[in-house]
Amino acid sequence: MPTDTSARLEVRKTYKLYVGGKFPRSESGRSYEVTDSRGRFLANAAQGSRKDARDAVVAARGAVKGWSGATAFNRGQVLYRVAELLEGRRAQFVDEVSRGEGLTRPRAEKAVDAAIDRWVWYAGWSDKIAQVLGGLNPVAGPYFDISAPEPTGVVAVLAPQRSSLLGLVSVIAPAIVSGNTVVVLASEHRPLPAVTLSEVLATSDVPGGVVNVLTGRTAEVAPWLASHMDVNAIDLAGAVDADGVAWADLEVAAADNLKRVLRPADAEPDWRTTPGLERIKAFVETKTVWHPKGT
């Protein structure tokens, strides 16, 4: 038997999609080259298709009942556990962000630290959303009138094209913290942090289907998510700077089933600034309950 371990073949990673808690290959069998900021080859990523997007929506829909029905405290604990795992993969994230975004290592470390802090920040909101966005309304009658925020359902998210991890976390966490499930289309040219995040989620306590991650061409997959009749809302953050994408066309497609649409800014925002509650509020609805007062 040979004992020279230096002659061993490297086990190269095959990048896949993340759908329903599993890692399927694209049904199309396609992949595309991912390069670093200087155009050097990094990996081949799965090139998602219309069928992959439809499968991801089915998985997300199947997870809505369980995730939205979990207590706010439980969702917060589950999301905090993700932050613990992100911390454990910090070095890998720094390497991927540095190479993908062309950042120096110290700047990449700051970006990754900010992403982990952002995830914890949103996790902490899980049991406070109802207190801040809900309330007891004054009415002219012997009733309690209570408004409470409810998750919208399945949210499609176009991840930012430039900020591959901090921007990604800043659009996923606010959507799921209130009980929504998401189908995320990763940055087209910088998808590796999203793939690694999916591996983190797979080993966390987040139920399969709550977060589904697709990689591929934004211009090819985004229209199918925007027009899908079982998607309740869409975040168009990643439409900015995406090749061949006009966000207004996606908004028109989303109008067919009255989706909630979160329009993108004119340019990709500085994700380092502390977010407000706008992204959480964008994907919740308000339920009002009337209850008679006792005599």
Protein backbone atom coordinates (compact mmCIF):
# COMPACT_ATOMS: atom_id res chain seq x y z
CA MET A 1 0.00 0.00 0.00
CA PRO A 2 1.36 3.49 -0.86
CA THR A 3 2.10 5.61 2.21
CA ASP A 4 3.09 8.89 0.51
CA THR A 5 0.17 11.17 1.47
CA SER A 6 1.64 14.02 -0.56
CA ALA A 7 0.44 12.18 -3.68
CA ARG A 8 -3.22 12.19 -2.64
CA LEU A 9 -5.86 13.78 -4.83
CA GLU A 10 -7.48 16.91 -3.45
CA VAL A 11 -11.21 16.57 -2.75
CA ARG A 12 -12.60 19.60 -4.50
CA LYS A 13 -15.84 21.10 -3.39
CA THR A 14 -18.82 20.97 -5.70
CA TYR A 15 -20.99 24.02 -5.11
CA LYS A 16 -24.70 23.26 -5.05
CA LEU A 17 -28.03 24.90 -4.36
CA TYR A 18 -29.68 24.83 -0.94
CA VAL A 19 -33.36 23.91 -1.14
CA GLY A 20 -35.55 22.47 1.60
CA GLY A 21 -32.58 21.82 3.85
CA LYS A 22 -30.79 19.75 1.20
CA PHE A 23 -28.06 20.45 -1.34
CA PRO A 24 -29.33 19.45 -4.78
CA ARG A 25 -27.54 20.11 -8.03
CA SER A 26 -29.37 22.31 -10.47
CA GLU A 27 -31.88 20.25 -12.43
CA SER A 28 -30.44 21.88 -15.54
CA GLY A 29 -27.05 20.35 -14.85
CA ARG A 30 -25.44 23.69 -15.61
CA SER A 31 -22.76 25.55 -13.72
CA TYR A 32 -20.84 28.77 -14.24
CA GLU A 33 -17.43 30.07 -13.36
CA VAL A 34 -16.96 32.21 -10.28
CA THR A 35 -13.85 34.38 -10.31
CA ASP A 36 -12.18 36.67 -7.80
CA SER A 37 -12.03 40.44 -8.12
CA ARG A 38 -9.12 40.10 -10.56
CA GLY A 39 -10.81 37.58 -12.78
CA ARG A 40 -8.99 34.53 -11.48
CA PHE A 41 -10.93 31.28 -11.26
CA LEU A 42 -12.34 30.39 -7.84
CA ALA A 43 -15.01 27.76 -8.38
CA ASN A 44 -17.85 26.47 -10.49
CA ALA A 45 -21.22 27.35 -8.97
CA ALA A 46 -24.55 25.72 -9.79
CA GLN A 47 -26.52 27.72 -12.33
CA GLY A 48 -30.09 27.66 -11.07
CA SER A 49 -33.04 27.48 -13.44
CA ARG A 50 -36.77 28.20 -13.50
CA LYS A 51 -37.44 24.68 -12.20
CA ASP A 52 -35.00 25.18 -9.32
CA ALA A 53 -36.77 28.43 -8.42
CA ARG A 54 -40.13 26.67 -8.42
CA ASP A 55 -38.78 23.87 -6.22
CA ALA A 56 -37.38 26.43 -3.81
CA VAL A 57 -40.74 28.20 -3.56
CA VAL A 58 -42.46 24.88 -2.82
CA ALA A 59 -39.93 24.21 -0.04
CA ALA A 60 -40.37 27.70 1.36
CA ARG A 61 -44.15 27.41 1.33
CA GLY A 62 -43.97 24.10 3.14
CA ALA A 63 -41.92 25.65 5.94
CA VAL A 64 -44.15 28.68 6.53
CA LYS A 65 -46.56 27.04 8.97
CA GLY A 66 -43.92 25.64 11.29
CA TRP A 67 -41.62 28.68 11.26
CA SER A 68 -44.34 31.31 11.62
CA GLY A 69 -46.00 29.19 14.29
CA ALA A 70 -42.88 28.99 16.43
CA THR A 71 -42.77 31.31 19.39
CA ALA A 72 -40.88 34.55 18.94
CA PHE A 73 -38.53 33.50 21.73
CA ASN A 74 -37.78 30.23 19.95
CA ARG A 75 -37.09 31.95 16.63
CA GLY A 76 -34.71 34.28 18.40
CA GLN A 77 -32.83 31.40 19.98
CA VAL A 78 -32.61 29.54 16.68
CA LEU A 79 -31.28 32.61 14.89
CA TYR A 80 -28.77 33.31 17.63
CA ARG A 81 -27.45 29.77 17.18
CA VAL A 82 -26.76 30.67 13.53
CA ALA A 83 -24.59 33.54 14.71
CA GLU A 84 -22.58 31.11 16.82
CA LEU A 85 -21.95 28.98 13.75
CA LEU A 86 -21.08 32.00 11.63
CA GLU A 87 -18.44 32.86 14.21
CA GLY A 88 -17.03 29.34 13.88
CA ARG A 89 -16.67 29.72 10.09
CA ARG A 90 -15.29 33.26 10.36
CA ALA A 91 -11.94 32.50 8.72
CA GLN A 92 -13.59 30.93 5.69
CA PHE A 93 -15.95 33.86 5.30
CA VAL A 94 -13.05 36.33 5.54
CA ASP A 95 -11.21 34.47 2.80
CA GLU A 96 -14.26 34.38 0.51
CA VAL A 97 -15.20 38.02 1.08
CA SER A 98 -11.61 39.15 0.60
CA ARG A 99 -11.17 37.32 -2.69
CA GLY A 100 -14.65 37.98 -4.03
CA GLU A 101 -14.89 41.66 -3.17
CA GLY A 102 -11.20 42.47 -3.55
CA LEU A 103 -10.89 43.71 0.03
CA THR A 104 -7.75 43.65 2.11
CA ARG A 105 -7.85 41.07 4.85
CA PRO A 106 -8.43 43.64 7.66
CA ARG A 107 -11.34 45.16 5.73
CA ALA A 108 -12.76 41.72 4.99
CA GLU A 109 -12.52 40.86 8.70
CA LYS A 110 -14.49 43.99 9.54
CA ALA A 111 -17.13 43.10 6.96
CA VAL A 112 -17.53 39.58 8.34
CA ASP A 113 -17.66 40.81 11.94
CA ALA A 114 -20.31 43.34 10.93
CA ALA A 115 -22.31 40.58 9.22
CA ILE A 116 -22.29 38.41 12.35
CA ASP A 117 -23.22 41.39 14.52
CA ARG A 118 -26.03 42.23 12.08
CA TRP A 119 -27.43 38.71 12.36
CA VAL A 120 -27.41 38.94 16.16
CA TRP A 121 -29.06 42.38 15.98
CA TYR A 122 -31.97 41.05 13.98
CA ALA A 123 -32.23 37.89 16.10
CA GLY A 124 -32.77 40.12 19.11
CA TRP A 125 -35.80 41.70 17.46
CA SER A 126 -37.77 38.45 17.26
CA ASP A 127 -39.64 38.95 20.55
CA LYS A 128 -39.85 42.73 20.28
CA ILE A 129 -41.48 43.16 16.86
CA ALA A 130 -45.02 42.72 18.21
CA GLN A 131 -44.40 45.24 20.98
CA VAL A 132 -43.04 47.89 18.62
CA LEU A 133 -45.22 47.35 15.56
CA GLY A 134 -48.40 46.23 17.35
CA GLY A 135 -50.57 48.02 19.85
CA LEU A 136 -53.86 48.54 21.64
CA ASN A 137 -56.07 50.89 19.62
CA PRO A 138 -58.56 53.32 21.19
CA VAL A 139 -62.10 52.57 19.97
CA ALA A 140 -65.53 54.02 20.74
CA GLY A 141 -67.09 50.96 22.33
CA PRO A 142 -66.68 48.30 25.01
CA TYR A 143 -63.97 46.43 23.11
CA PHE A 144 -60.30 45.80 23.13
CA ASP A 145 -58.97 46.50 19.63
CA ILE A 146 -55.53 44.97 19.21
CA SER A 147 -53.22 45.26 16.19
CA ALA A 148 -50.50 42.64 15.81
CA PRO A 149 -47.90 42.12 13.05
CA GLU A 150 -48.04 38.85 11.12
CA PRO A 151 -45.53 37.41 8.64
CA THR A 152 -46.38 37.87 4.97
CA GLY A 153 -45.44 34.32 3.92
CA VAL A 154 -42.91 33.43 1.25
CA VAL A 155 -40.48 36.23 0.40
CA ALA A 156 -38.20 36.17 -2.65
CA VAL A 157 -34.95 38.02 -2.04
CA LEU A 158 -32.50 39.23 -4.65
CA ALA A 159 -29.27 39.46 -2.67
CA PRO A 160 -27.04 42.52 -3.15
CA GLN A 161 -24.56 42.12 -5.98
CA ARG A 162 -21.59 43.82 -4.32
CA SER A 163 -21.74 43.12 -0.60
CA SER A 164 -21.59 39.35 -0.69
CA LEU A 165 -22.00 38.61 3.03
CA LEU A 166 -22.93 41.74 5.01
CA GLY A 167 -25.46 42.73 2.37
CA LEU A 168 -26.71 39.15 2.15
CA VAL A 169 -27.28 38.90 5.90
CA SER A 170 -28.91 42.34 5.91
CA VAL A 171 -31.65 41.15 3.55
CA ILE A 172 -32.23 37.60 4.81
CA ALA A 173 -32.39 38.18 8.57
CA PRO A 174 -35.08 40.90 8.59
CA ALA A 175 -37.32 38.77 6.38
CA ILE A 176 -37.18 35.58 8.46
CA VAL A 177 -37.09 37.04 11.96
CA SER A 178 -40.83 37.74 11.88
CA GLY A 179 -41.72 34.24 10.64
CA ASN A 180 -41.44 34.53 6.87
CA THR A 181 -39.57 31.98 4.77
CA VAL A 182 -37.31 33.08 1.93
CA VAL A 183 -35.96 32.07 -1.46
CA VAL A 184 -32.68 33.91 -1.91
CA LEU A 185 -30.98 34.47 -5.23
CA ALA A 186 -27.32 35.02 -4.34
CA SER A 187 -25.04 37.64 -5.84
CA GLU A 188 -24.36 36.47 -9.38
CA HIS A 189 -20.62 37.12 -9.41
CA ARG A 190 -19.91 36.73 -5.68
CA PRO A 191 -22.01 33.75 -4.56
CA LEU A 192 -19.51 31.85 -2.41
CA PRO A 193 -20.38 33.46 0.97
CA ALA A 194 -24.03 32.61 0.26
CA VAL A 195 -23.08 28.97 -0.38
CA THR A 196 -21.12 28.86 2.87
CA LEU A 197 -24.02 30.50 4.71
CA SER A 198 -26.28 27.74 3.44
CA GLU A 199 -23.89 25.17 4.94
CA VAL A 200 -24.08 27.05 8.23
CA LEU A 201 -27.87 27.03 8.09
CA ALA A 202 -27.92 23.30 7.30
CA THR A 203 -26.05 22.55 10.53
CA SER A 204 -28.05 24.98 12.63
CA ASP A 205 -31.50 24.61 14.14
CA VAL A 206 -33.17 26.57 11.33
CA PRO A 207 -35.75 24.16 9.85
CA GLY A 208 -35.25 23.09 6.26
CA GLY A 209 -37.13 25.30 3.82
CA VAL A 210 -37.01 28.46 5.92
CA VAL A 211 -34.04 29.72 3.90
CA ASN A 212 -33.46 28.45 0.36
CA VAL A 213 -30.42 29.66 -1.56
CA LEU A 214 -30.12 29.68 -5.34
CA THR A 215 -27.07 30.63 -7.36
CA GLY A 216 -27.04 31.55 -11.02
CA ARG A 217 -27.83 34.34 -13.42
CA THR A 218 -30.01 37.03 -11.86
CA ALA A 219 -31.52 38.04 -15.18
CA GLU A 220 -32.60 34.45 -15.82
CA VAL A 221 -34.10 33.48 -12.44
CA ALA A 222 -35.40 36.76 -11.00
CA PRO A 223 -38.34 37.13 -13.44
CA TRP A 224 -39.66 33.71 -12.46
CA LEU A 225 -39.53 34.60 -8.77
CA ALA A 226 -41.16 37.97 -9.41
CA SER A 227 -44.03 36.42 -11.36
CA HIS A 228 -44.48 33.28 -9.23
CA MET A 229 -48.05 33.16 -7.93
CA ASP A 230 -47.09 31.53 -4.63
CA VAL A 231 -44.54 34.18 -3.65
CA ASN A 232 -46.07 36.82 -1.40
CA ALA A 233 -43.37 39.48 -1.48
CA ILE A 234 -40.10 40.29 -3.15
CA ASP A 235 -37.05 42.29 -2.10
CA LEU A 236 -35.39 43.78 -5.20
CA ALA A 237 -32.19 44.89 -3.45
CA GLY A 238 -30.05 42.80 -5.79
CA ALA A 239 -31.61 44.21 -8.94
CA VAL A 240 -29.20 47.13 -8.66
CA ASP A 241 -26.03 46.44 -10.67
CA ALA A 242 -27.33 43.06 -11.85
CA ASP A 243 -26.47 42.29 -15.47
CA GLY A 244 -29.47 42.67 -17.79
CA VAL A 245 -32.02 43.35 -15.04
CA ALA A 246 -34.51 46.22 -14.93
CA TRP A 247 -36.15 46.30 -11.53
CA ALA A 248 -39.21 48.09 -12.91
CA ASP A 249 -39.93 45.05 -15.11
CA LEU A 250 -39.73 42.81 -12.06
CA GLU A 251 -42.10 45.11 -10.20
CA VAL A 252 -44.61 44.85 -13.04
CA ALA A 253 -44.34 41.06 -13.02
CA ALA A 254 -44.86 41.05 -9.24
CA ALA A 255 -48.06 43.06 -9.59
CA ASP A 256 -49.95 40.14 -11.12
CA ASN A 257 -50.62 38.55 -7.73
CA LEU A 258 -50.35 41.77 -5.71
CA LYS A 259 -46.99 40.93 -4.19
CA ARG A 260 -45.44 43.28 -1.73
CA VAL A 261 -42.41 44.82 -3.43
CA LEU A 262 -39.48 46.39 -1.67
CA ARG A 263 -37.92 48.62 -4.27
CA PRO A 264 -34.14 48.95 -4.49
CA ALA A 265 -32.26 52.16 -3.85
CA ASP A 266 -30.72 53.99 -6.79
CA ALA A 267 -27.38 52.47 -5.84
CA GLU A 268 -26.42 49.66 -3.51
CA PRO A 269 -26.55 51.14 0.00
CA ASP A 270 -23.76 51.19 2.53
CA TRP A 271 -24.70 48.07 4.46
CA ARG A 272 -22.35 49.05 7.30
CA THR A 273 -24.80 51.60 8.66
CA THR A 274 -27.09 50.45 11.44
CA PRO A 275 -30.41 49.39 9.90
CA GLY A 276 -33.76 50.52 11.13
CA LEU A 277 -36.91 48.43 11.14
CA GLU A 278 -37.85 49.22 7.55
CA ARG A 279 -36.95 45.79 6.18
CA ILE A 280 -38.79 44.02 8.98
CA LYS A 281 -41.88 46.20 8.45
CA ALA A 282 -41.76 45.62 4.71
CA PHE A 283 -42.60 41.94 5.14
CA VAL A 284 -45.21 41.91 7.88
CA GLU A 285 -48.93 42.53 7.73
CA THR A 286 -51.16 43.83 10.46
CA LYS A 287 -53.90 41.71 11.98
CA THR A 288 -56.52 43.52 14.04
CA VAL A 289 -58.53 41.68 16.68
CA TRP A 290 -61.64 42.92 18.44
CA HIS A 291 -62.46 41.46 21.84
CA PRO A 292 -65.33 42.51 24.10
CA LYS A 293 -64.44 43.91 27.49
CA GLY A 294 -65.80 42.09 30.49
CA THR A 295 -68.54 43.64 32.59
